[in-house]
């Protein structure tokens, strides 16, 4: 799921991990701690904010709630 919806779509894996940490705090990048439904929702949210077919910049991380 994550590989198909994030990595294969062209997004940076490290940026997505940072987003998971932002959403869940320390350890949030461990997807074993997420339910399938929550993971699907956060992937959809990530794609909404950082989508567009281009890889998310690795060095930039903006809080989408503040933009």
N, C-alpha and C. Protein backbone atom coordinates (compact mmCIF):
# COMPACT_ATOMS: atom_id res chain seq x y z
N UNK A 1 0.83 -1.19 0.00
CA UNK A 1 0.00 0.00 0.00
C UNK A 1 0.87 1.25 0.00
N UNK A 2 1.78 1.38 0.96
CA UNK A 2 2.60 2.59 1.03
C UNK A 2 3.50 2.68 -0.18
N UNK A 3 4.09 1.57 -0.57
CA UNK A 3 4.99 1.59 -1.72
C UNK A 3 4.23 2.01 -2.98
N UNK A 4 3.05 1.46 -3.20
CA UNK A 4 2.27 1.80 -4.39
C UNK A 4 1.78 3.24 -4.37
N UNK A 5 1.32 3.71 -3.22
CA UNK A 5 0.67 5.01 -3.14
C UNK A 5 1.62 6.16 -2.85
N UNK A 6 2.83 5.88 -2.42
CA UNK A 6 3.76 6.95 -2.07
C UNK A 6 5.05 6.84 -2.88
N UNK A 7 5.79 5.78 -2.67
CA UNK A 7 7.11 5.66 -3.29
C UNK A 7 7.00 5.51 -4.80
N UNK A 8 6.17 4.59 -5.29
CA UNK A 8 6.05 4.38 -6.73
C UNK A 8 5.42 5.58 -7.43
N UNK A 9 4.70 6.41 -6.70
CA UNK A 9 4.06 7.60 -7.28
C UNK A 9 5.07 8.73 -7.45
N UNK A 10 6.27 8.56 -6.89
CA UNK A 10 7.31 9.55 -7.07
C UNK A 10 7.59 10.41 -5.86
N UNK A 11 6.98 10.13 -4.74
CA UNK A 11 7.24 10.90 -3.53
C UNK A 11 8.47 10.37 -2.82
N UNK A 12 9.14 11.23 -2.08
CA UNK A 12 10.31 10.82 -1.33
C UNK A 12 9.92 10.04 -0.08
N UNK A 13 10.53 8.89 0.09
CA UNK A 13 10.23 8.03 1.25
C UNK A 13 10.56 8.75 2.55
N UNK A 14 11.71 9.45 2.58
CA UNK A 14 12.11 10.14 3.81
C UNK A 14 11.13 11.26 4.16
N UNK A 15 10.65 11.97 3.16
CA UNK A 15 9.68 13.05 3.41
C UNK A 15 8.39 12.48 3.96
N UNK A 16 7.94 11.36 3.40
CA UNK A 16 6.72 10.73 3.89
C UNK A 16 6.91 10.25 5.33
N UNK A 17 8.07 9.69 5.64
CA UNK A 17 8.34 9.27 7.02
C UNK A 17 8.27 10.47 7.97
N UNK A 18 8.80 11.61 7.55
CA UNK A 18 8.72 12.82 8.37
C UNK A 18 7.26 13.22 8.59
N UNK A 19 6.45 13.06 7.56
CA UNK A 19 5.03 13.39 7.67
C UNK A 19 4.34 12.46 8.67
N UNK A 20 4.69 11.18 8.65
CA UNK A 20 4.11 10.24 9.62
C UNK A 20 4.51 10.61 11.04
N UNK A 21 5.74 11.03 11.23
CA UNK A 21 6.20 11.47 12.55
C UNK A 21 5.45 12.72 12.97
N UNK A 22 5.23 13.64 12.03
CA UNK A 22 4.46 14.86 12.31
C UNK A 22 3.04 14.50 12.78
N UNK A 23 2.44 13.50 12.11
CA UNK A 23 1.06 13.13 12.45
C UNK A 23 0.96 12.36 13.76
N UNK A 24 1.95 11.50 14.08
CA UNK A 24 1.84 10.61 15.22
C UNK A 24 2.89 10.85 16.30
N UNK A 25 3.87 11.69 16.04
CA UNK A 25 4.94 11.89 17.00
C UNK A 25 6.05 10.86 16.81
N UNK A 26 6.98 10.86 17.74
CA UNK A 26 8.13 9.97 17.65
C UNK A 26 7.68 8.53 17.45
N UNK A 27 8.26 7.85 16.48
CA UNK A 27 7.90 6.48 16.17
C UNK A 27 6.77 6.37 15.17
N UNK A 28 6.22 7.49 14.73
CA UNK A 28 5.10 7.47 13.80
C UNK A 28 5.43 6.85 12.46
N UNK A 29 6.73 6.81 12.12
CA UNK A 29 7.11 6.23 10.84
C UNK A 29 7.01 4.71 10.83
N UNK A 30 6.82 4.09 12.00
CA UNK A 30 6.65 2.64 12.09
C UNK A 30 5.20 2.31 11.73
N UNK A 31 4.99 1.91 10.48
CA UNK A 31 3.61 1.71 10.02
C UNK A 31 2.92 0.52 10.66
N UNK A 32 3.68 -0.32 11.36
CA UNK A 32 3.05 -1.42 12.08
C UNK A 32 2.15 -0.92 13.21
N UNK A 33 2.37 0.32 13.64
CA UNK A 33 1.56 0.90 14.69
C UNK A 33 0.30 1.61 14.18
N UNK A 34 0.07 1.57 12.89
CA UNK A 34 -1.08 2.22 12.27
C UNK A 34 -2.11 1.16 11.88
N UNK A 35 -3.38 1.50 11.97
CA UNK A 35 -4.40 0.63 11.40
C UNK A 35 -4.40 0.85 9.89
N UNK A 36 -4.93 -0.10 9.15
CA UNK A 36 -5.01 0.04 7.70
C UNK A 36 -5.82 1.28 7.34
N UNK A 37 -6.92 1.50 8.04
CA UNK A 37 -7.77 2.64 7.75
C UNK A 37 -7.05 3.97 8.01
N UNK A 38 -6.33 4.04 9.14
CA UNK A 38 -5.59 5.27 9.45
C UNK A 38 -4.47 5.51 8.45
N UNK A 39 -3.81 4.45 8.04
CA UNK A 39 -2.73 4.58 7.08
C UNK A 39 -3.27 5.02 5.73
N UNK A 40 -4.39 4.47 5.30
CA UNK A 40 -5.01 4.90 4.05
C UNK A 40 -5.39 6.38 4.11
N UNK A 41 -5.90 6.80 5.25
CA UNK A 41 -6.30 8.21 5.40
C UNK A 41 -5.09 9.13 5.36
N UNK A 42 -4.00 8.76 6.03
CA UNK A 42 -2.83 9.63 6.05
C UNK A 42 -2.15 9.66 4.68
N UNK A 43 -2.18 8.56 3.94
CA UNK A 43 -1.65 8.55 2.58
C UNK A 43 -2.46 9.48 1.69
N UNK A 44 -3.78 9.41 1.80
CA UNK A 44 -4.64 10.29 1.01
C UNK A 44 -4.39 11.75 1.36
N UNK A 45 -4.24 12.04 2.64
CA UNK A 45 -3.97 13.40 3.09
C UNK A 45 -2.61 13.88 2.56
N UNK A 46 -1.60 13.03 2.66
CA UNK A 46 -0.28 13.37 2.16
C UNK A 46 -0.32 13.64 0.66
N UNK A 47 -0.98 12.77 -0.09
CA UNK A 47 -1.10 12.97 -1.53
C UNK A 47 -1.84 14.25 -1.86
N UNK A 48 -2.83 14.60 -1.05
CA UNK A 48 -3.57 15.85 -1.26
C UNK A 48 -2.65 17.07 -1.10
N UNK A 49 -1.86 17.09 -0.04
CA UNK A 49 -1.01 18.24 0.24
C UNK A 49 0.24 18.28 -0.61
N UNK A 50 0.80 17.13 -0.94
CA UNK A 50 2.09 17.10 -1.62
C UNK A 50 2.00 16.45 -2.99
N UNK A 51 0.79 16.21 -3.49
CA UNK A 51 0.60 15.56 -4.78
C UNK A 51 0.92 16.46 -5.95
N UNK A 52 0.61 15.97 -7.11
CA UNK A 52 0.86 16.75 -8.30
C UNK A 52 1.85 16.07 -9.23
N UNK A 53 2.26 14.85 -8.87
CA UNK A 53 3.14 14.11 -9.75
C UNK A 53 4.61 14.40 -9.58
N UNK A 54 4.97 15.31 -8.72
CA UNK A 54 6.38 15.60 -8.48
C UNK A 54 6.75 15.09 -7.10
N UNK A 55 8.00 14.68 -6.97
CA UNK A 55 8.47 14.21 -5.68
C UNK A 55 8.47 15.36 -4.69
N UNK A 56 8.07 15.09 -3.48
CA UNK A 56 8.10 16.10 -2.43
C UNK A 56 9.55 16.43 -2.11
N UNK A 57 9.87 17.69 -1.93
CA UNK A 57 11.26 18.05 -1.65
C UNK A 57 11.72 17.48 -0.32
N UNK A 58 12.87 16.83 -0.34
CA UNK A 58 13.39 16.18 0.86
C UNK A 58 13.78 17.18 1.94
N UNK A 59 14.26 18.35 1.54
CA UNK A 59 14.77 19.30 2.52
C UNK A 59 13.71 20.24 3.08
N UNK A 60 12.51 20.17 2.56
CA UNK A 60 11.45 21.08 2.99
C UNK A 60 10.31 20.30 3.60
N UNK A 61 9.83 20.77 4.74
CA UNK A 61 8.67 20.13 5.35
C UNK A 61 7.79 21.23 5.92
N UNK A 62 6.67 21.43 5.30
CA UNK A 62 5.73 22.46 5.75
C UNK A 62 4.55 21.80 6.43
N UNK A 63 4.05 22.45 7.46
CA UNK A 63 2.85 22.00 8.13
C UNK A 63 1.67 22.41 7.26
N UNK A 64 0.96 21.46 6.65
CA UNK A 64 -0.14 21.83 5.74
C UNK A 64 -1.28 22.55 6.47
N UNK A 65 -1.37 22.39 7.77
CA UNK A 65 -2.44 23.07 8.52
C UNK A 65 -2.17 24.55 8.69
N UNK A 66 -0.93 24.97 8.47
CA UNK A 66 -0.55 26.38 8.65
C UNK A 66 -0.48 27.14 7.34
N UNK A 67 -0.77 26.49 6.21
CA UNK A 67 -0.68 27.16 4.92
C UNK A 67 -2.02 27.58 4.43
